Amino acid sequence: MHILKTPHAIAAIAKHFLPFGHVILSLVLSLWPLHQVHAQSTERLDKAAYPTASAPQAAGFMADLPGVNLWFTDTGGTHDQDVLILLHPNTGSSEVWAVQSLVFAKAGFRVIAFDRRGWGKSTAKTQVDNGAGSIAQDLEALVQHLKIEHFHLLGIAGGGFAAVDYAAWKPERIKSLIVGGSTAQLSEPTMKEVVDRIEIPGIRKVPAHFREVGPSFRTRDPEGTQAWLEIEERSQQSGAKSQNLRTPNTFAKISTIKATTLIIAGGADLLAPPALMRLWVKYLDHPQWVLLPEAGHALSWEEPELFDQAVLDFLKKH
């Protein structure tokens, strides 16, 4: 991947040659210190061998943890192997990671994905435990159960909320952090004001695949869209409650995260558009940034090759 590390140089050229160069200069510098990463690579994944959306899941297990019987998949590996843990969005379950689990395992990682309590096959032990405890706390209980000390953490959309929450809480465990298509659920007035201003009225009430899956993917892959919808329709258990963050995500909290971070945005994301993501990403410590121009909110499902390539290129360096 090509990383833009010299925005000042580019801005200087724009200022010299273009009549509105000073405007371009301001826009470019406003994005710094983000490292701009293009979704292109000279080392592409083998498209012919790439698994389809119907790829089988890795082996699954049930962990008896505080307040929850937690279902997780694990590709297995050796004790000295790098571990990558995947957090699913509010829509779907660990099933959405079937393709990524195979690809990342083939690249040499031990890949673990779990259903949050009340989603997929993970069940709260009692009604009181339904929604109680944060995803971050369940993740910590799982890594203790599996005796994992350090790992890479990847969260998409609502999984990104939890990934940020955990990374700020347990920095000593995080080798690197990857967040895609996420508002980070910021408890900040400025974020709320922007969301209220840009969100399409009533979008939360429309069928999930219209607000979550980008129009380009729905156009070119109706079967993949239907597969996504089927996973979503069976993902959340009846009466299941969403889990709160361990502590509210704030700009101050995010600024404490020092792990090397990759941020992936979808250009057609209606819920977490790139400009909205930049409002909180700028508080991270020099994150790398990837834009998938045609991807919607379900970016890892819609653009698995580009998404996985971006993740693997990043992980190879960290």
C-alpha atoms as a PDB file:
ATOM      1  CA  MET A   1       0.000   0.000   0.000  1.00  0.00           C
ATOM      2  CA  HIS A   2       1.068   3.545  -0.619  1.00  0.00           C
ATOM      3  CA  ILE A   3       1.113   5.707   2.496  1.00  0.00           C
ATOM      4  CA  LEU A   4       0.912   9.466   2.123  1.00  0.00           C
ATOM      5  CA  LYS A   5       3.445  10.748   4.650  1.00  0.00           C
ATOM      6  CA  THR A   6       4.103  14.203   3.171  1.00  0.00           C
ATOM      7  CA  PRO A   7       0.862  16.225   3.083  1.00  0.00           C
ATOM      8  CA  HIS A   8       2.779  19.493   3.349  1.00  0.00           C
ATOM      9  CA  ALA A   9       4.690  18.742   0.168  1.00  0.00           C
ATOM     10  CA  ILE A  10       1.529  17.882  -1.724  1.00  0.00           C
ATOM     11  CA  ALA A  11      -0.235  20.956  -0.426  1.00  0.00           C
ATOM     12  CA  ALA A  12       2.694  23.127  -1.519  1.00  0.00           C
ATOM     13  CA  ILE A  13       2.387  21.847  -5.066  1.00  0.00           C
ATOM     14  CA  ALA A  14      -1.350  22.461  -5.065  1.00  0.00           C
ATOM     15  CA  LYS A  15      -0.853  25.990  -3.757  1.00  0.00           C
ATOM     16  CA  HIS A  16       1.656  26.785  -6.482  1.00  0.00           C
ATOM     17  CA  PHE A  17      -0.291  25.488  -9.467  1.00  0.00           C
ATOM     18  CA  LEU A  18      -3.967  25.920  -8.605  1.00  0.00           C
ATOM     19  CA  PRO A  19      -5.887  29.164  -8.111  1.00  0.00           C
ATOM     20  CA  PHE A  20      -7.537  27.823  -4.992  1.00  0.00           C
ATOM     21  CA  GLY A  21      -4.403  26.200  -3.661  1.00  0.00           C
ATOM     22  CA  HIS A  22      -4.767  27.810  -0.254  1.00  0.00           C
ATOM     23  CA  VAL A  23      -8.089  26.019   0.189  1.00  0.00           C
ATOM     24  CA  ILE A  24      -6.514  22.684  -0.730  1.00  0.00           C
ATOM     25  CA  LEU A  25      -3.670  23.451   1.662  1.00  0.00           C
ATOM     26  CA  SER A  26      -6.125  23.915   4.529  1.00  0.00           C
ATOM     27  CA  LEU A  27      -8.009  20.727   3.689  1.00  0.00           C
ATOM     28  CA  VAL A  28      -4.870  18.606   3.451  1.00  0.00           C
ATOM     29  CA  LEU A  29      -3.352  19.919   6.654  1.00  0.00           C
ATOM     30  CA  SER A  30      -6.643  19.453   8.506  1.00  0.00           C
ATOM     31  CA  LEU A  31      -6.327  15.715   7.937  1.00  0.00           C
ATOM     32  CA  TRP A  32      -2.857  15.476   9.439  1.00  0.00           C
ATOM     33  CA  PRO A  33      -1.631  13.496  11.457  1.00  0.00           C
ATOM     34  CA  LEU A  34      -3.693  10.758   9.795  1.00  0.00           C
ATOM     35  CA  HIS A  35      -1.605   8.618   7.457  1.00  0.00           C
ATOM     36  CA  GLN A  36      -3.648   8.358   4.263  1.00  0.00           C
ATOM     37  CA  VAL A  37      -3.621   4.812   2.907  1.00  0.00           C
ATOM     38  CA  HIS A  38      -5.098   4.020  -0.487  1.00  0.00           C
ATOM     39  CA  ALA A  39      -7.042   0.786  -0.913  1.00  0.00           C
ATOM     40  CA  GLN A  40      -4.592  -0.516  -3.508  1.00  0.00           C
ATOM     41  CA  SER A  41      -1.649  -2.888  -3.273  1.00  0.00           C
ATOM     42  CA  THR A  42       0.928  -4.469  -5.524  1.00  0.00           C
ATOM     43  CA  GLU A  43       0.583  -7.686  -3.512  1.00  0.00           C
ATOM     44  CA  ARG A  44      -3.047  -8.641  -4.056  1.00  0.00           C
ATOM     45  CA  LEU A  45      -4.922 -11.519  -2.492  1.00  0.00           C
ATOM     46  CA  ASP A  46      -5.493 -14.429  -4.855  1.00  0.00           C
ATOM     47  CA  LYS A  47      -9.004 -13.599  -6.096  1.00  0.00           C
ATOM     48  CA  ALA A  48      -9.518 -16.980  -7.733  1.00  0.00           C
ATOM     49  CA  ALA A  49      -8.889 -18.748  -4.421  1.00  0.00           C
ATOM     50  CA  TYR A  50     -10.876 -16.264  -2.370  1.00  0.00           C
ATOM     51  CA  PRO A  51     -13.690 -17.888  -0.361  1.00  0.00           C
ATOM     52  CA  THR A  52     -17.272 -16.838  -1.015  1.00  0.00           C
ATOM     53  CA  ALA A  53     -19.792 -15.394   1.426  1.00  0.00           C
ATOM     54  CA  SER A  54     -20.981 -18.947   2.073  1.00  0.00           C
ATOM     55  CA  ALA A  55     -17.618 -20.000   3.478  1.00  0.00           C
ATOM     56  CA  PRO A  56     -17.933 -22.363   6.461  1.00  0.00           C
ATOM     57  CA  GLN A  57     -17.133 -21.061   9.917  1.00  0.00           C
ATOM     58  CA  ALA A  58     -14.095 -22.132  11.902  1.00  0.00           C
ATOM     59  CA  ALA A  59     -14.503 -24.675  14.701  1.00  0.00           C
ATOM     60  CA  GLY A  60     -16.855 -23.411  17.417  1.00  0.00           C
ATOM     61  CA  PHE A  61     -16.744 -23.747  21.198  1.00  0.00           C
ATOM     62  CA  MET A  62     -18.780 -22.647  24.211  1.00  0.00           C
ATOM     63  CA  ALA A  63     -17.030 -20.897  27.109  1.00  0.00           C
ATOM     64  CA  ASP A  64     -18.596 -20.856  30.578  1.00  0.00           C
ATOM     65  CA  LEU A  65     -17.887 -17.258  31.639  1.00  0.00           C
ATOM     66  CA  PRO A  66     -19.318 -14.944  34.315  1.00  0.00           C
ATOM     67  CA  GLY A  67     -22.939 -14.228  33.402  1.00  0.00           C
ATOM     68  CA  VAL A  68     -22.769 -15.756  29.932  1.00  0.00           C
ATOM     69  CA  ASN A  69     -22.252 -18.950  27.994  1.00  0.00           C
ATOM     70  CA  LEU A  70     -20.122 -17.408  25.263  1.00  0.00           C
ATOM     71  CA  TRP A  71     -19.935 -19.003  21.824  1.00  0.00           C
ATOM     72  CA  PHE A  72     -16.725 -18.422  19.895  1.00  0.00           C
ATOM     73  CA  THR A  73     -14.941 -19.731  16.840  1.00  0.00           C
ATOM     74  CA  ASP A  74     -11.211 -20.413  16.870  1.00  0.00           C
ATOM     75  CA  THR A  75      -9.005 -21.372  13.932  1.00  0.00           C
ATOM     76  CA  GLY A  76      -6.425 -22.764  16.365  1.00  0.00           C
ATOM     77  CA  GLY A  77      -2.668 -22.548  16.211  1.00  0.00           C
ATOM     78  CA  THR A  78       0.515 -22.669  18.211  1.00  0.00           C
ATOM     79  CA  HIS A  79       1.235 -20.815  21.454  1.00  0.00           C
ATOM     80  CA  ASP A  80       3.711 -18.475  19.754  1.00  0.00           C
ATOM     81  CA  GLN A  81       1.276 -17.573  16.949  1.00  0.00           C
ATOM     82  CA  ASP A  82      -0.149 -14.063  16.656  1.00  0.00           C
ATOM     83  CA  VAL A  83      -3.809 -13.896  17.735  1.00  0.00           C
ATOM     84  CA  LEU A  84      -6.412 -11.746  15.982  1.00  0.00           C
ATOM     85  CA  ILE A  85      -9.789 -11.288  17.702  1.00  0.00           C
ATOM     86  CA  LEU A  86     -12.805 -10.092  15.692  1.00  0.00           C
ATOM     87  CA  LEU A  87     -15.793  -8.185  17.136  1.00  0.00           C
ATOM     88  CA  HIS A  88     -18.983  -8.284  15.088  1.00  0.00           C
ATOM     89  CA  PRO A  89     -21.341  -5.336  14.445  1.00  0.00           C
ATOM     90  CA  ASN A  90     -24.701  -4.772  16.126  1.00  0.00           C
ATOM     91  CA  THR A  91     -26.177  -6.398  13.033  1.00  0.00           C
ATOM     92  CA  GLY A  92     -25.149  -9.999  12.454  1.00  0.00           C
ATOM     93  CA  SER A  93     -23.095 -12.296  14.649  1.00  0.00           C
ATOM     94  CA  SER A  94     -19.754 -14.076  14.451  1.00  0.00           C
ATOM     95  CA  GLU A  95     -21.102 -15.653  11.252  1.00  0.00           C
ATOM     96  CA  VAL A  96     -20.199 -12.485   9.351  1.00  0.00           C
ATOM     97  CA  TRP A  97     -16.516 -13.284   9.990  1.00  0.00           C
ATOM     98  CA  ALA A  98     -16.474 -16.670   8.241  1.00  0.00           C
ATOM     99  CA  VAL A  99     -14.568 -15.369   5.206  1.00  0.00           C
ATOM    100  CA  GLN A 100     -12.142 -13.234   7.193  1.00  0.00           C
ATOM    101  CA  SER A 101     -11.368 -16.046   9.631  1.00  0.00           C
ATOM    102  CA  LEU A 102     -10.246 -18.319   6.791  1.00  0.00           C
ATOM    103  CA  VAL A 103      -8.240 -15.625   5.022  1.00  0.00           C
ATOM    104  CA  PHE A 104      -6.467 -14.364   8.138  1.00  0.00           C
ATOM    105  CA  ALA A 105      -5.780 -17.918   9.339  1.00  0.00           C
ATOM    106  CA  LYS A 106      -4.243 -18.739   5.961  1.00  0.00           C
ATOM    107  CA  ALA A 107      -2.031 -15.685   6.422  1.00  0.00           C
ATOM    108  CA  GLY A 108      -0.680 -17.199   9.653  1.00  0.00           C
ATOM    109  CA  PHE A 109      -2.902 -15.822  12.419  1.00  0.00           C
ATOM    110  CA  ARG A 110      -4.904 -17.620  15.060  1.00  0.00           C
ATOM    111  CA  VAL A 111      -8.324 -16.029  14.523  1.00  0.00           C
ATOM    112  CA  ILE A 112     -11.031 -15.866  17.187  1.00  0.00           C
ATOM    113  CA  ALA A 113     -14.527 -14.417  16.834  1.00  0.00           C
ATOM    114  CA  PHE A 114     -17.352 -14.559  19.368  1.00  0.00           C
ATOM    115  CA  ASP A 115     -21.071 -13.859  19.595  1.00  0.00           C
ATOM    116  CA  ARG A 116     -21.860 -11.121  22.109  1.00  0.00           C
ATOM    117  CA  ARG A 117     -24.377 -12.180  24.758  1.00  0.00           C
ATOM    118  CA  GLY A 118     -27.890 -12.345  23.302  1.00  0.00           C
ATOM    119  CA  TRP A 119     -26.557 -12.677  19.738  1.00  0.00           C
ATOM    120  CA  GLY A 120     -25.951 -15.846  17.773  1.00  0.00           C
ATOM    121  CA  LYS A 121     -25.331 -18.749  20.151  1.00  0.00           C
ATOM    122  CA  SER A 122     -24.171 -16.815  23.220  1.00  0.00           C
ATOM    123  CA  THR A 123     -26.764 -16.766  25.976  1.00  0.00           C
ATOM    124  CA  ALA A 124     -27.023 -14.905  29.254  1.00  0.00           C
ATOM    125  CA  LYS A 125     -27.145 -17.317  32.180  1.00  0.00           C
ATOM    126  CA  THR A 126     -30.039 -15.541  33.874  1.00  0.00           C
ATOM    127  CA  GLN A 127     -32.443 -12.736  32.994  1.00  0.00           C
ATOM    128  CA  VAL A 128     -30.424 -10.404  35.207  1.00  0.00           C
ATOM    129  CA  ASP A 129     -27.351 -11.188  33.081  1.00  0.00           C
ATOM    130  CA  ASN A 130     -29.194 -10.264  29.864  1.00  0.00           C
ATOM    131  CA  GLY A 131     -27.385  -7.153  28.642  1.00  0.00           C
ATOM    132  CA  ALA A 132     -25.415  -6.850  31.871  1.00  0.00           C
ATOM    133  CA  GLY A 133     -21.675  -6.448  31.690  1.00  0.00           C
ATOM    134  CA  SER A 134     -19.906  -4.891  28.719  1.00  0.00           C
ATOM    135  CA  ILE A 135     -18.591  -6.582  25.594  1.00  0.00           C
ATOM    136  CA  ALA A 136     -15.138  -5.482  26.721  1.00  0.00           C
ATOM    137  CA  GLN A 137     -15.570  -7.377  29.994  1.00  0.00           C
ATOM    138  CA  ASP A 138     -16.757 -10.499  28.165  1.00  0.00           C
ATOM    139  CA  LEU A 139     -13.733 -10.218  25.869  1.00  0.00           C
ATOM    140  CA  GLU A 140     -11.400  -9.985  28.852  1.00  0.00           C
ATOM    141  CA  ALA A 141     -13.059 -13.019  30.444  1.00  0.00           C
ATOM    142  CA  LEU A 142     -12.617 -14.950  27.183  1.00  0.00           C
ATOM    143  CA  VAL A 143      -8.919 -14.159  26.744  1.00  0.00           C
ATOM    144  CA  GLN A 144      -8.309 -15.121  30.370  1.00  0.00           C
ATOM    145  CA  HIS A 145     -10.216 -18.378  29.751  1.00  0.00           C
ATOM    146  CA  LEU A 146      -8.051 -19.070  26.687  1.00  0.00           C
ATOM    147  CA  LYS A 147      -4.849 -17.894  28.432  1.00  0.00           C
ATOM    148  CA  ILE A 148      -4.102 -15.315  25.735  1.00  0.00           C
ATOM    149  CA  GLU A 149      -1.791 -12.520  26.883  1.00  0.00           C
ATOM    150  CA  HIS A 150      -1.531 -10.257  23.829  1.00  0.00           C
ATOM    151  CA  PHE A 151      -3.510  -9.965  20.611  1.00  0.00           C
ATOM    152  CA  HIS A 152      -4.574  -7.816  17.699  1.00  0.00           C
ATOM    153  CA  LEU A 153      -8.149  -6.516  18.013  1.00  0.00           C
ATOM    154  CA  LEU A 154     -10.508  -5.733  15.122  1.00  0.00           C
ATOM    155  CA  GLY A 155     -14.023  -4.341  15.521  1.00  0.00           C
ATOM    156  CA  ILE A 156     -16.552  -3.250  12.912  1.00  0.00           C
ATOM    157  CA  ALA A 157     -19.379  -0.738  13.520  1.00  0.00           C
ATOM    158  CA  GLY A 158     -20.826  -1.635  16.960  1.00  0.00           C
ATOM    159  CA  GLY A 159     -17.879  -3.969  17.402  1.00  0.00           C
ATOM    160  CA  GLY A 160     -15.731  -0.876  16.983  1.00  0.00           C
ATOM    161  CA  PHE A 161     -17.451   0.712  20.002  1.00  0.00           C
ATOM    162  CA  ALA A 162     -16.331  -2.242  22.106  1.00  0.00           C
ATOM    163  CA  ALA A 163     -12.853  -2.390  20.549  1.00  0.00           C
ATOM    164  CA  VAL A 164     -12.175   1.225  21.532  1.00  0.00           C
ATOM    165  CA  ASP A 165     -13.645   0.604  24.988  1.00  0.00           C
ATOM    166  CA  TYR A 166     -11.377  -2.410  25.536  1.00  0.00           C
ATOM    167  CA  ALA A 167      -8.215  -0.853  24.055  1.00  0.00           C
ATOM    168  CA  ALA A 168      -8.473   2.083  26.465  1.00  0.00           C
ATOM    169  CA  TRP A 169      -9.092  -0.269  29.411  1.00  0.00           C
ATOM    170  CA  LYS A 170      -6.467  -2.958  28.709  1.00  0.00           C
ATOM    171  CA  PRO A 171      -3.691  -1.317  26.657  1.00  0.00           C
ATOM    172  CA  GLU A 172      -1.132  -3.846  27.833  1.00  0.00           C
ATOM    173  CA  ARG A 173      -2.925  -6.616  25.906  1.00  0.00           C
ATOM    174  CA  ILE A 174      -3.308  -4.840  22.567  1.00  0.00           C
ATOM    175  CA  LYS A 175      -0.689  -5.415  19.866  1.00  0.00           C
ATOM    176  CA  SER A 176      -2.644  -3.319  17.395  1.00  0.00           C
ATOM    177  CA  LEU A 177      -6.158  -1.959  16.991  1.00  0.00           C
ATOM    178  CA  ILE A 178      -8.299  -2.000  13.838  1.00  0.00           C
ATOM    179  CA  VAL A 179     -11.678  -0.248  13.651  1.00  0.00           C
ATOM    180  CA  GLY A 180     -13.922  -0.121  10.617  1.00  0.00           C
ATOM    181  CA  GLY A 181     -17.092   1.832   9.828  1.00  0.00           C
ATOM    182  CA  SER A 182     -17.730   3.062  13.360  1.00  0.00           C
ATOM    183  CA  THR A 183     -18.807   6.215  15.182  1.00  0.00           C
ATOM    184  CA  ALA A 184     -17.142   4.790  18.330  1.00  0.00           C
ATOM    185  CA  GLN A 185     -20.351   5.655  20.220  1.00  0.00           C
ATOM    186  CA  LEU A 186     -18.876   8.894  21.516  1.00  0.00           C
ATOM    187  CA  SER A 187     -20.540  10.566  24.505  1.00  0.00           C
ATOM    188  CA  GLU A 188     -19.626  14.004  23.208  1.00  0.00           C
ATOM    189  CA  PRO A 189     -22.029  16.876  22.431  1.00  0.00           C
ATOM    190  CA  THR A 190     -20.185  17.732  19.219  1.00  0.00           C
ATOM    191  CA  MET A 191     -20.591  14.186  17.902  1.00  0.00           C
ATOM    192  CA  LYS A 192     -24.269  14.084  18.807  1.00  0.00           C
ATOM    193  CA  GLU A 193     -24.842  17.425  17.077  1.00  0.00           C
ATOM    194  CA  VAL A 194     -23.247  16.189  13.866  1.00  0.00           C
ATOM    195  CA  VAL A 195     -25.137  12.883  13.933  1.00  0.00           C
ATOM    196  CA  ASP A 196     -28.442  14.686  14.502  1.00  0.00           C
ATOM    197  CA  ARG A 197     -27.637  17.004  11.603  1.00  0.00           C
ATOM    198  CA  ILE A 198     -26.552  14.459   8.989  1.00  0.00           C
ATOM    199  CA  GLU A 199     -28.512  11.305   9.773  1.00  0.00           C
ATOM    200  CA  ILE A 200     -31.376  10.579   7.399  1.00  0.00           C
ATOM    201  CA  PRO A 201     -34.662  10.948   9.339  1.00  0.00           C
ATOM    202  CA  GLY A 202     -36.159   7.541  10.125  1.00  0.00           C
ATOM    203  CA  ILE A 203     -33.145   5.590   8.854  1.00  0.00           C
ATOM    204  CA  ARG A 204     -33.093   3.414  11.981  1.00  0.00           C
ATOM    205  CA  LYS A 205     -36.590   2.172  11.108  1.00  0.00           C
ATOM    206  CA  VAL A 206     -35.899   1.074   7.524  1.00  0.00           C
ATOM    207  CA  PRO A 207     -34.960  -2.569   6.799  1.00  0.00           C
ATOM    208  CA  ALA A 208     -31.431  -3.243   8.003  1.00  0.00           C
ATOM    209  CA  HIS A 209     -29.879  -4.055   4.638  1.00  0.00           C
ATOM    210  CA  PHE A 210     -30.976  -0.716   3.137  1.00  0.00           C
ATOM    211  CA  ARG A 211     -29.217   1.326   5.815  1.00  0.00           C
ATOM    212  CA  GLU A 212     -26.265  -1.014   6.404  1.00  0.00           C
ATOM    213  CA  VAL A 213     -25.347  -2.503   3.003  1.00  0.00           C
ATOM    214  CA  GLY A 214     -24.122  -0.088   0.346  1.00  0.00           C
ATOM    215  CA  PRO A 215     -25.969   0.322  -2.964  1.00  0.00           C
ATOM    216  CA  SER A 216     -22.993  -0.801  -5.054  1.00  0.00           C
ATOM    217  CA  PHE A 217     -22.879  -4.167  -3.298  1.00  0.00           C
ATOM    218  CA  ARG A 218     -26.655  -4.589  -3.445  1.00  0.00           C
ATOM    219  CA  THR A 219     -26.473  -3.902  -7.169  1.00  0.00           C
ATOM    220  CA  ARG A 220     -23.667  -6.286  -8.074  1.00  0.00           C
ATOM    221  CA  ASP A 221     -24.253  -9.099  -5.564  1.00  0.00           C
ATOM    222  CA  PRO A 222     -27.911  -9.849  -4.753  1.00  0.00           C
ATOM    223  CA  GLU A 223     -26.978 -13.304  -3.435  1.00  0.00           C
ATOM    224  CA  GLY A 224     -24.408 -11.819  -1.056  1.00  0.00           C
ATOM    225  CA  THR A 225     -26.956  -9.251   0.069  1.00  0.00           C
ATOM    226  CA  GLN A 226     -29.480 -12.004   0.783  1.00  0.00           C
ATOM    227  CA  ALA A 227     -26.856 -14.004   2.704  1.00  0.00           C
ATOM    228  CA  TRP A 228     -26.084 -10.937   4.852  1.00  0.00           C
ATOM    229  CA  LEU A 229     -29.795 -10.406   5.494  1.00  0.00           C
ATOM    230  CA  GLU A 230     -30.342 -14.029   6.528  1.00  0.00           C
ATOM    231  CA  ILE A 231     -27.522 -13.808   9.076  1.00  0.00           C
ATOM    232  CA  GLU A 232     -28.947 -10.554  10.427  1.00  0.00           C
ATOM    233  CA  GLU A 233     -32.471 -11.978  10.750  1.00  0.00           C
ATOM    234  CA  ARG A 234     -31.281 -14.843  12.961  1.00  0.00           C
ATOM    235  CA  SER A 235     -28.580 -12.981  14.852  1.00  0.00           C
ATOM    236  CA  GLN A 236     -30.309 -11.305  17.816  1.00  0.00           C
ATOM    237  CA  GLN A 237     -32.213 -13.482  20.245  1.00  0.00           C
ATOM    238  CA  SER A 238     -35.728 -12.484  21.230  1.00  0.00           C
ATOM    239  CA  GLY A 239     -35.664 -10.080  24.168  1.00  0.00           C
ATOM    240  CA  ALA A 240     -31.870  -9.709  24.120  1.00  0.00           C
ATOM    241  CA  LYS A 241     -30.608  -6.357  25.375  1.00  0.00           C
ATOM    242  CA  SER A 242     -27.639  -4.446  24.037  1.00  0.00           C
ATOM    243  CA  GLN A 243     -24.653  -4.279  26.342  1.00  0.00           C
ATOM    244  CA  ASN A 244     -23.412  -0.919  27.561  1.00  0.00           C
ATOM    245  CA  LEU A 245     -19.802   0.181  27.233  1.00  0.00           C
ATOM    246  CA  ARG A 246     -17.658  -0.479  30.283  1.00  0.00           C
ATOM    247  CA  THR A 247     -17.112   3.285  30.513  1.00  0.00           C
ATOM    248  CA  PRO A 248     -18.392   5.965  28.109  1.00  0.00           C
ATOM    249  CA  ASN A 249     -16.198   6.552  25.073  1.00  0.00           C
ATOM    250  CA  THR A 250     -15.007  10.167  25.042  1.00  0.00           C
ATOM    251  CA  PHE A 251     -12.364  12.171  23.206  1.00  0.00           C
ATOM    252  CA  ALA A 252     -10.252  12.148  26.378  1.00  0.00           C
ATOM    253  CA  LYS A 253     -10.559   8.372  26.668  1.00  0.00           C
ATOM    254  CA  ILE A 254      -9.662   7.794  23.015  1.00  0.00           C
ATOM    255  CA  SER A 255      -6.584  10.001  23.351  1.00  0.00           C
ATOM    256  CA  THR A 256      -5.159   7.539  25.898  1.00  0.00           C
ATOM    257  CA  ILE A 257      -5.024   4.754  23.295  1.00  0.00           C
ATOM    258  CA  LYS A 258      -1.422   4.493  22.127  1.00  0.00           C
ATOM    259  CA  ALA A 259      -1.684   1.210  20.220  1.00  0.00           C
ATOM    260  CA  THR A 260      -0.831   1.322  16.537  1.00  0.00           C
ATOM    261  CA  THR A 261      -4.202   1.750  14.861  1.00  0.00           C
ATOM    262  CA  LEU A 262      -5.762   1.178  11.453  1.00  0.00           C
ATOM    263  CA  ILE A 263      -9.050   2.885  10.614  1.00  0.00           C
ATOM    264  CA  ILE A 264     -11.122   1.686   7.641  1.00  0.00           C
ATOM    265  CA  ALA A 265     -13.988   3.813   6.339  1.00  0.00           C
ATOM    266  CA  GLY A 266     -16.625   3.199   3.689  1.00  0.00           C
ATOM    267  CA  GLY A 267     -17.297   5.997   1.238  1.00  0.00           C
ATOM    268  CA  ALA A 268     -20.978   5.013   0.977  1.00  0.00           C
ATOM    269  CA  ASP A 269     -21.497   4.483   4.721  1.00  0.00           C
ATOM    270  CA  LEU A 270     -24.747   6.186   5.770  1.00  0.00           C
ATOM    271  CA  LEU A 271     -24.222   5.658   9.515  1.00  0.00           C
ATOM    272  CA  ALA A 272     -20.499   6.337   9.920  1.00  0.00           C
ATOM    273  CA  PRO A 273     -19.402   8.395   6.896  1.00  0.00           C
ATOM    274  CA  PRO A 274     -15.680   9.156   6.647  1.00  0.00           C
ATOM    275  CA  ALA A 275     -16.037  12.812   7.680  1.00  0.00           C
ATOM    276  CA  LEU A 276     -17.870  11.778  10.849  1.00  0.00           C
ATOM    277  CA  MET A 277     -15.243   9.161  11.679  1.00  0.00           C
ATOM    278  CA  ARG A 278     -12.470  11.733  11.304  1.00  0.00           C
ATOM    279  CA  LEU A 279     -13.988  13.735  14.171  1.00  0.00           C
ATOM    280  CA  TRP A 280     -12.930  11.076  16.665  1.00  0.00           C
ATOM    281  CA  VAL A 281     -10.092   9.355  14.808  1.00  0.00           C
ATOM    282  CA  LYS A 282      -7.975  12.514  15.073  1.00  0.00           C
ATOM    283  CA  TYR A 283      -7.695  11.901  18.829  1.00  0.00           C
ATOM    284  CA  LEU A 284      -5.847   8.614  18.249  1.00  0.00           C
ATOM    285  CA  ASP A 285      -2.067   8.447  18.183  1.00  0.00           C
ATOM    286  CA  HIS A 286      -1.159   8.684  14.456  1.00  0.00           C
ATOM    287  CA  PRO A 287      -3.646   6.191  13.014  1.00  0.00           C
ATOM    288  CA  GLN A 288      -3.407   4.840   9.499  1.00  0.00           C
ATOM    289  CA  TRP A 289      -6.473   5.467   7.350  1.00  0.00           C
ATOM    290  CA  VAL A 290      -7.998   3.390   4.556  1.00  0.00           C
ATOM    291  CA  LEU A 291     -11.009   4.469   2.481  1.00  0.00           C
ATOM    292  CA  LEU A 292     -13.062   1.922   0.550  1.00  0.00           C
ATOM    293  CA  PRO A 293     -14.903   4.310  -1.793  1.00  0.00           C
ATOM    294  CA  GLU A 294     -17.970   2.214  -2.680  1.00  0.00           C
ATOM    295  CA  ALA A 295     -18.448   0.378   0.616  1.00  0.00           C
ATOM    296  CA  GLY A 296     -21.379   0.988   2.932  1.00  0.00           C
ATOM    297  CA  HIS A 297     -21.592   0.310   6.659  1.00  0.00           C
ATOM    298  CA  ALA A 298     -21.061  -3.453   6.192  1.00  0.00           C
ATOM    299  CA  LEU A 299     -17.687  -2.755   4.594  1.00  0.00           C
ATOM    300  CA  SER A 300     -15.931  -6.005   5.555  1.00  0.00           C
ATOM    301  CA  TRP A 301     -18.772  -7.990   3.966  1.00  0.00           C
ATOM    302  CA  GLU A 302     -19.125  -5.809   0.890  1.00  0.00           C
ATOM    303  CA  GLU A 303     -15.428  -5.430   0.028  1.00  0.00           C
ATOM    304  CA  PRO A 304     -13.750  -8.469   1.634  1.00  0.00           C
ATOM    305  CA  GLU A 305     -10.735  -8.508  -0.689  1.00  0.00           C
ATOM    306  CA  LEU A 306      -9.861  -4.838  -0.226  1.00  0.00           C
ATOM    307  CA  PHE A 307     -10.728  -4.942   3.470  1.00  0.00           C
ATOM    308  CA  ASP A 308      -8.678  -8.063   4.177  1.00  0.00           C
ATOM    309  CA  GLN A 309      -5.742  -6.811   2.111  1.00  0.00           C
ATOM    310  CA  ALA A 310      -5.695  -3.557   4.066  1.00  0.00           C
ATOM    311  CA  VAL A 311      -5.770  -5.465   7.356  1.00  0.00           C
ATOM    312  CA  LEU A 312      -3.043  -7.911   6.331  1.00  0.00           C
ATOM    313  CA  ASP A 313      -0.762  -5.191   4.982  1.00  0.00           C
ATOM    314  CA  PHE A 314      -1.160  -3.382   8.288  1.00  0.00           C
ATOM    315  CA  LEU A 315      -0.610  -6.474  10.446  1.00  0.00           C
ATOM    316  CA  LYS A 316       2.538  -7.441   8.556  1.00  0.00           C
ATOM    317  CA  LYS A 317       4.126  -4.240   9.856  1.00  0.00           C
ATOM    318  CA  HIS A 318       2.914  -4.608  13.427  1.00  0.00           C
END
